[in-house]
Amino acid sequence: MTNSADKDFLTIVSGLPRSGTSMMMRMLETGGLPVMIDQIRTADDDNPNGYYEFEAVKQTKEDPSWLDDSAGKVVKMVYRLLYDLPEDRTYYVLFMGRELDEVLASQRVMLERNGTGSDGISDEQMRMMFQMEIDKFFKWIADRPCFKLIRVDYNALMHDPAAELAKVDEFLGGGLDVEAMAATVDKSLYRNRKQGVAS
């Protein structure tokens, strides 16, 4: 198990919504990292293991005080919020990548379950928007030395978790319980695959 006191940086799990960020948070918690969560958003059918959210991150631009005790911990942030982080410390970012068709399918199911629509935006329009935003984000973060980033492949993680998590462990300096992390993968929750909806 990792000793979080040895890590003088904040670990951030980021990516598009529905790209496996909550799953990665659960894995890192199981692997030995303390998580920053507040339990305001509770588990539901879309995320039965919980959302692992921390509301304070949404106000970072106005109030970054939550960062004062963040070293050695892990927090989940949608990629757009990383623009608001002060550049006076080090962040290690795990960016979850997932097939965009699966992201869109998962979001559509979630919106339908919540009784909300997509405001008439087609999947193709949404796909183009996401791709443009991601490209812009990677260009921005590459020019900022306070950020260290690794891309984590959600699809590879579902098929061979141990191999993908070994890369995560190495990136974060080692010490994670990779075997325990891999054991948390619940393939029954991999429901919106590229080739359709799994049972």
C-alpha atoms as a PDB file:
ATOM      1  CA  MET A   1       0.000   0.000   0.000  1.00  0.00           C
ATOM      2  CA  THR A   2       1.235   3.472  -0.867  1.00  0.00           C
ATOM      3  CA  ASN A   3       2.300   5.994   1.746  1.00  0.00           C
ATOM      4  CA  SER A   4       0.481   9.157   0.689  1.00  0.00           C
ATOM      5  CA  ALA A   5       2.714  11.253   2.925  1.00  0.00           C
ATOM      6  CA  ASP A   6       5.565  10.567   0.482  1.00  0.00           C
ATOM      7  CA  LYS A   7       3.649  12.199  -2.364  1.00  0.00           C
ATOM      8  CA  ASP A   8       3.967  15.986  -2.407  1.00  0.00           C
ATOM      9  CA  PHE A   9       1.476  16.391  -5.229  1.00  0.00           C
ATOM     10  CA  LEU A  10      -2.262  16.212  -5.757  1.00  0.00           C
ATOM     11  CA  THR A  11      -3.488  13.408  -7.995  1.00  0.00           C
ATOM     12  CA  ILE A  12      -6.380  14.408 -10.235  1.00  0.00           C
ATOM     13  CA  VAL A  13      -8.662  12.006 -12.072  1.00  0.00           C
ATOM     14  CA  SER A  14     -10.085  13.825 -15.061  1.00  0.00           C
ATOM     15  CA  GLY A  15     -11.728  13.286 -18.430  1.00  0.00           C
ATOM     16  CA  LEU A  16     -15.072  13.604 -20.128  1.00  0.00           C
ATOM     17  CA  PRO A  17     -18.222  12.775 -18.171  1.00  0.00           C
ATOM     18  CA  ARG A  18     -19.002   9.033 -18.381  1.00  0.00           C
ATOM     19  CA  SER A  19     -15.405   8.097 -19.184  1.00  0.00           C
ATOM     20  CA  GLY A  20     -14.685   6.007 -16.089  1.00  0.00           C
ATOM     21  CA  THR A  21     -13.509   8.730 -13.708  1.00  0.00           C
ATOM     22  CA  SER A  22     -15.586   7.468 -10.775  1.00  0.00           C
ATOM     23  CA  MET A  23     -14.305   3.936 -11.368  1.00  0.00           C
ATOM     24  CA  MET A  24     -10.708   5.166 -11.313  1.00  0.00           C
ATOM     25  CA  MET A  25     -11.343   7.053  -8.087  1.00  0.00           C
ATOM     26  CA  ARG A  26     -12.634   3.863  -6.503  1.00  0.00           C
ATOM     27  CA  MET A  27      -9.584   1.980  -7.768  1.00  0.00           C
ATOM     28  CA  LEU A  28      -7.148   4.510  -6.337  1.00  0.00           C
ATOM     29  CA  GLU A  29      -8.946   4.477  -3.005  1.00  0.00           C
ATOM     30  CA  THR A  30      -8.704   0.687  -2.961  1.00  0.00           C
ATOM     31  CA  GLY A  31      -5.063   0.953  -3.978  1.00  0.00           C
ATOM     32  CA  GLY A  32      -4.209   3.093  -0.961  1.00  0.00           C
ATOM     33  CA  LEU A  33      -4.709   6.762  -1.843  1.00  0.00           C
ATOM     34  CA  PRO A  34      -6.973   8.893   0.376  1.00  0.00           C
ATOM     35  CA  VAL A  35      -9.794  10.389  -1.682  1.00  0.00           C
ATOM     36  CA  MET A  36     -11.272  13.871  -1.428  1.00  0.00           C
ATOM     37  CA  ILE A  37     -15.054  13.389  -1.546  1.00  0.00           C
ATOM     38  CA  ASP A  38     -18.047  14.852   0.241  1.00  0.00           C
ATOM     39  CA  GLN A  39     -20.859  12.326  -0.380  1.00  0.00           C
ATOM     40  CA  ILE A  40     -23.242  15.092  -1.502  1.00  0.00           C
ATOM     41  CA  ARG A  41     -24.006  13.259  -4.736  1.00  0.00           C
ATOM     42  CA  THR A  42     -24.963   9.737  -3.783  1.00  0.00           C
ATOM     43  CA  ALA A  43     -24.819   6.494  -5.749  1.00  0.00           C
ATOM     44  CA  ASP A  44     -27.581   5.746  -8.244  1.00  0.00           C
ATOM     45  CA  ASP A  45     -28.320   3.441 -11.204  1.00  0.00           C
ATOM     46  CA  ASP A  46     -25.821   5.279 -13.392  1.00  0.00           C
ATOM     47  CA  ASN A  47     -23.011   5.043 -10.835  1.00  0.00           C
ATOM     48  CA  PRO A  48     -23.922   2.293  -8.347  1.00  0.00           C
ATOM     49  CA  ASN A  49     -20.504   2.531  -6.665  1.00  0.00           C
ATOM     50  CA  GLY A  50     -20.773   6.280  -6.146  1.00  0.00           C
ATOM     51  CA  TYR A  51     -19.661   9.415  -7.962  1.00  0.00           C
ATOM     52  CA  TYR A  52     -16.637  10.259  -5.780  1.00  0.00           C
ATOM     53  CA  GLU A  53     -17.264  13.980  -6.197  1.00  0.00           C
ATOM     54  CA  PHE A  54     -15.995  16.937  -4.191  1.00  0.00           C
ATOM     55  CA  GLU A  55     -18.150  20.033  -4.667  1.00  0.00           C
ATOM     56  CA  ALA A  56     -15.406  22.479  -3.661  1.00  0.00           C
ATOM     57  CA  VAL A  57     -13.558  21.853  -6.935  1.00  0.00           C
ATOM     58  CA  LYS A  58     -16.326  23.678  -8.803  1.00  0.00           C
ATOM     59  CA  GLN A  59     -15.456  26.907  -6.963  1.00  0.00           C
ATOM     60  CA  THR A  60     -11.688  26.666  -7.360  1.00  0.00           C
ATOM     61  CA  LYS A  61     -11.411  29.893  -9.335  1.00  0.00           C
ATOM     62  CA  GLU A  62     -13.071  31.862  -6.525  1.00  0.00           C
ATOM     63  CA  ASP A  63     -11.818  29.822  -3.567  1.00  0.00           C
ATOM     64  CA  PRO A  64      -8.851  27.448  -4.000  1.00  0.00           C
ATOM     65  CA  SER A  65      -8.429  26.951  -0.241  1.00  0.00           C
ATOM     66  CA  TRP A  66      -9.383  23.264  -0.516  1.00  0.00           C
ATOM     67  CA  LEU A  67      -5.961  22.729  -2.093  1.00  0.00           C
ATOM     68  CA  ASP A  68      -4.153  23.580   1.144  1.00  0.00           C
ATOM     69  CA  ASP A  69      -4.464  20.024   2.468  1.00  0.00           C
ATOM     70  CA  SER A  70      -4.530  18.145  -0.828  1.00  0.00           C
ATOM     71  CA  ALA A  71      -0.978  16.802  -1.208  1.00  0.00           C
ATOM     72  CA  GLY A  72      -0.896  13.012  -1.226  1.00  0.00           C
ATOM     73  CA  LYS A  73      -4.602  12.761  -1.992  1.00  0.00           C
ATOM     74  CA  VAL A  74      -6.722  12.211  -5.092  1.00  0.00           C
ATOM     75  CA  VAL A  75      -9.693  14.212  -6.354  1.00  0.00           C
ATOM     76  CA  LYS A  76     -11.980  13.994  -9.372  1.00  0.00           C
ATOM     77  CA  MET A  77     -12.296  17.027 -11.657  1.00  0.00           C
ATOM     78  CA  VAL A  78     -13.945  17.393 -15.054  1.00  0.00           C
ATOM     79  CA  TYR A  79     -11.204  18.573 -17.404  1.00  0.00           C
ATOM     80  CA  ARG A  80     -12.726  22.050 -17.825  1.00  0.00           C
ATOM     81  CA  LEU A  81     -12.092  22.755 -14.138  1.00  0.00           C
ATOM     82  CA  LEU A  82      -8.346  22.211 -14.454  1.00  0.00           C
ATOM     83  CA  TYR A  83      -8.085  25.595 -16.164  1.00  0.00           C
ATOM     84  CA  ASP A  84      -8.940  27.179 -12.788  1.00  0.00           C
ATOM     85  CA  LEU A  85      -6.150  25.548 -10.778  1.00  0.00           C
ATOM     86  CA  PRO A  86      -3.350  27.817  -9.487  1.00  0.00           C
ATOM     87  CA  GLU A  87       0.028  26.942 -10.988  1.00  0.00           C
ATOM     88  CA  ASP A  88       1.975  27.179  -7.734  1.00  0.00           C
ATOM     89  CA  ARG A  89       2.071  23.442  -7.025  1.00  0.00           C
ATOM     90  CA  THR A  90       2.360  20.084  -8.784  1.00  0.00           C
ATOM     91  CA  TYR A  91      -0.555  18.050 -10.129  1.00  0.00           C
ATOM     92  CA  TYR A  92      -0.465  14.511 -11.488  1.00  0.00           C
ATOM     93  CA  VAL A  93      -3.381  14.056 -13.865  1.00  0.00           C
ATOM     94  CA  LEU A  94      -4.895  10.723 -14.866  1.00  0.00           C
ATOM     95  CA  PHE A  95      -6.916  11.577 -17.967  1.00  0.00           C
ATOM     96  CA  MET A  96      -9.495   8.899 -18.676  1.00  0.00           C
ATOM     97  CA  GLY A  97      -9.967   8.249 -22.374  1.00  0.00           C
ATOM     98  CA  ARG A  98     -12.898   6.240 -23.693  1.00  0.00           C
ATOM     99  CA  GLU A  99     -14.323   5.595 -27.152  1.00  0.00           C
ATOM    100  CA  LEU A 100     -16.427   8.692 -27.826  1.00  0.00           C
ATOM    101  CA  ASP A 101     -19.314   6.596 -29.168  1.00  0.00           C
ATOM    102  CA  GLU A 102     -19.470   4.858 -25.791  1.00  0.00           C
ATOM    103  CA  VAL A 103     -19.280   8.157 -23.899  1.00  0.00           C
ATOM    104  CA  LEU A 104     -22.170   9.530 -25.950  1.00  0.00           C
ATOM    105  CA  ALA A 105     -24.240   6.368 -25.524  1.00  0.00           C
ATOM    106  CA  SER A 106     -23.674   6.388 -21.761  1.00  0.00           C
ATOM    107  CA  GLN A 107     -24.597  10.061 -21.511  1.00  0.00           C
ATOM    108  CA  ARG A 108     -27.742   9.488 -23.579  1.00  0.00           C
ATOM    109  CA  VAL A 109     -28.875   6.660 -21.284  1.00  0.00           C
ATOM    110  CA  MET A 110     -28.196   8.831 -18.234  1.00  0.00           C
ATOM    111  CA  LEU A 111     -30.131  11.794 -19.643  1.00  0.00           C
ATOM    112  CA  GLU A 112     -33.079   9.577 -20.559  1.00  0.00           C
ATOM    113  CA  ARG A 113     -33.110   8.034 -17.093  1.00  0.00           C
ATOM    114  CA  ASN A 114     -33.116  11.501 -15.537  1.00  0.00           C
ATOM    115  CA  GLY A 115     -35.910  12.670 -17.838  1.00  0.00           C
ATOM    116  CA  THR A 116     -33.789  15.327 -19.541  1.00  0.00           C
ATOM    117  CA  GLY A 117     -32.977  15.727 -23.202  1.00  0.00           C
ATOM    118  CA  SER A 118     -29.917  16.661 -25.227  1.00  0.00           C
ATOM    119  CA  ASP A 119     -31.324  20.044 -26.332  1.00  0.00           C
ATOM    120  CA  GLY A 120     -31.546  18.842 -29.907  1.00  0.00           C
ATOM    121  CA  ILE A 121     -27.786  18.335 -30.256  1.00  0.00           C
ATOM    122  CA  SER A 122     -26.975  15.309 -32.403  1.00  0.00           C
ATOM    123  CA  ASP A 123     -24.374  12.716 -31.439  1.00  0.00           C
ATOM    124  CA  GLU A 124     -22.197  13.858 -34.332  1.00  0.00           C
ATOM    125  CA  GLN A 125     -22.297  17.473 -33.158  1.00  0.00           C
ATOM    126  CA  MET A 126     -21.537  16.390 -29.606  1.00  0.00           C
ATOM    127  CA  ARG A 127     -18.675  14.187 -30.797  1.00  0.00           C
ATOM    128  CA  MET A 128     -17.107  17.080 -32.730  1.00  0.00           C
ATOM    129  CA  MET A 129     -17.503  19.425 -29.766  1.00  0.00           C
ATOM    130  CA  PHE A 130     -15.911  16.976 -27.346  1.00  0.00           C
ATOM    131  CA  GLN A 131     -12.996  16.323 -29.709  1.00  0.00           C
ATOM    132  CA  MET A 132     -12.336  20.030 -30.193  1.00  0.00           C
ATOM    133  CA  GLU A 133     -12.436  20.661 -26.446  1.00  0.00           C
ATOM    134  CA  ILE A 134     -10.129  17.742 -25.688  1.00  0.00           C
ATOM    135  CA  ASP A 135      -7.632  18.834 -28.341  1.00  0.00           C
ATOM    136  CA  LYS A 136      -7.659  22.358 -26.899  1.00  0.00           C
ATOM    137  CA  PHE A 137      -7.194  21.001 -23.370  1.00  0.00           C
ATOM    138  CA  PHE A 138      -4.177  18.848 -24.277  1.00  0.00           C
ATOM    139  CA  LYS A 139      -2.537  21.745 -26.104  1.00  0.00           C
ATOM    140  CA  TRP A 140      -3.085  23.975 -23.064  1.00  0.00           C
ATOM    141  CA  ILE A 141      -1.818  21.535 -20.439  1.00  0.00           C
ATOM    142  CA  ALA A 142       1.295  20.602 -22.435  1.00  0.00           C
ATOM    143  CA  ASP A 143       2.596  24.157 -21.946  1.00  0.00           C
ATOM    144  CA  ARG A 144       2.250  24.066 -18.153  1.00  0.00           C
ATOM    145  CA  PRO A 145       5.057  22.327 -16.256  1.00  0.00           C
ATOM    146  CA  CYS A 146       3.027  22.154 -13.035  1.00  0.00           C
ATOM    147  CA  PHE A 147       0.950  19.412 -14.660  1.00  0.00           C
ATOM    148  CA  LYS A 148       2.179  15.858 -15.238  1.00  0.00           C
ATOM    149  CA  LEU A 149      -0.285  13.828 -17.290  1.00  0.00           C
ATOM    150  CA  ILE A 150      -0.898  10.246 -18.306  1.00  0.00           C
ATOM    151  CA  ARG A 151      -3.732   9.053 -20.507  1.00  0.00           C
ATOM    152  CA  VAL A 152      -5.558   6.029 -19.132  1.00  0.00           C
ATOM    153  CA  ASP A 153      -7.454   3.957 -21.673  1.00  0.00           C
ATOM    154  CA  TYR A 154     -10.842   2.998 -20.212  1.00  0.00           C
ATOM    155  CA  ASN A 155     -11.429   0.355 -22.859  1.00  0.00           C
ATOM    156  CA  ALA A 156      -8.021  -1.240 -22.249  1.00  0.00           C
ATOM    157  CA  LEU A 157      -8.671  -1.025 -18.513  1.00  0.00           C
ATOM    158  CA  MET A 158     -11.835  -3.084 -18.876  1.00  0.00           C
ATOM    159  CA  HIS A 159     -10.079  -5.790 -20.912  1.00  0.00           C
ATOM    160  CA  ASP A 160      -6.718  -5.962 -19.094  1.00  0.00           C
ATOM    161  CA  PRO A 161      -6.884  -3.951 -15.864  1.00  0.00           C
ATOM    162  CA  ALA A 162      -3.586  -5.167 -14.399  1.00  0.00           C
ATOM    163  CA  ALA A 163      -1.525  -3.927 -17.354  1.00  0.00           C
ATOM    164  CA  GLU A 164      -3.177  -0.510 -17.494  1.00  0.00           C
ATOM    165  CA  LEU A 165      -3.021  -0.054 -13.724  1.00  0.00           C
ATOM    166  CA  ALA A 166       0.682  -0.952 -13.664  1.00  0.00           C
ATOM    167  CA  LYS A 167       1.233   2.147 -15.829  1.00  0.00           C
ATOM    168  CA  VAL A 168      -0.795   4.235 -13.382  1.00  0.00           C
ATOM    169  CA  ASP A 169       1.210   2.915 -10.429  1.00  0.00           C
ATOM    170  CA  GLU A 170       4.512   3.722 -12.138  1.00  0.00           C
ATOM    171  CA  PHE A 171       3.295   7.215 -13.068  1.00  0.00           C
ATOM    172  CA  LEU A 172       2.344   7.966  -9.456  1.00  0.00           C
ATOM    173  CA  GLY A 173       5.670   6.751  -8.090  1.00  0.00           C
ATOM    174  CA  GLY A 174       4.728   3.219  -7.095  1.00  0.00           C
ATOM    175  CA  GLY A 175       3.331   1.735  -3.912  1.00  0.00           C
ATOM    176  CA  LEU A 176      -0.268   1.213  -5.007  1.00  0.00           C
ATOM    177  CA  ASP A 177      -1.950  -2.144  -4.432  1.00  0.00           C
ATOM    178  CA  VAL A 178      -2.443  -2.866  -8.138  1.00  0.00           C
ATOM    179  CA  GLU A 179      -3.880  -6.336  -7.545  1.00  0.00           C
ATOM    180  CA  ALA A 180      -6.603  -4.975  -5.255  1.00  0.00           C
ATOM    181  CA  MET A 181      -7.315  -2.168  -7.730  1.00  0.00           C
ATOM    182  CA  ALA A 182      -7.730  -4.605 -10.614  1.00  0.00           C
ATOM    183  CA  ALA A 183     -10.114  -6.705  -8.528  1.00  0.00           C
ATOM    184  CA  THR A 184     -12.543  -3.768  -8.285  1.00  0.00           C
ATOM    185  CA  VAL A 185     -13.313  -3.883 -12.025  1.00  0.00           C
ATOM    186  CA  ASP A 186     -16.966  -4.813 -12.439  1.00  0.00           C
ATOM    187  CA  LYS A 187     -17.470  -5.670 -16.098  1.00  0.00           C
ATOM    188  CA  SER A 188     -21.218  -5.889 -15.558  1.00  0.00           C
ATOM    189  CA  LEU A 189     -21.141  -2.084 -15.375  1.00  0.00           C
ATOM    190  CA  TYR A 190     -19.524  -1.854 -18.815  1.00  0.00           C
ATOM    191  CA  ARG A 191     -22.945  -1.355 -20.340  1.00  0.00           C
ATOM    192  CA  ASN A 192     -22.486   1.047 -23.259  1.00  0.00           C
ATOM    193  CA  ARG A 193     -19.989  -0.586 -25.560  1.00  0.00           C
ATOM    194  CA  LYS A 194     -18.943   0.598 -28.981  1.00  0.00           C
ATOM    195  CA  GLN A 195     -20.852  -2.212 -30.652  1.00  0.00           C
ATOM    196  CA  GLY A 196     -24.036  -1.657 -28.683  1.00  0.00           C
ATOM    197  CA  VAL A 197     -25.389  -1.937 -25.183  1.00  0.00           C
ATOM    198  CA  ALA A 198     -24.131  -4.888 -23.170  1.00  0.00           C
ATOM    199  CA  SER A 199     -26.367  -6.802 -20.821  1.00  0.00           C
END
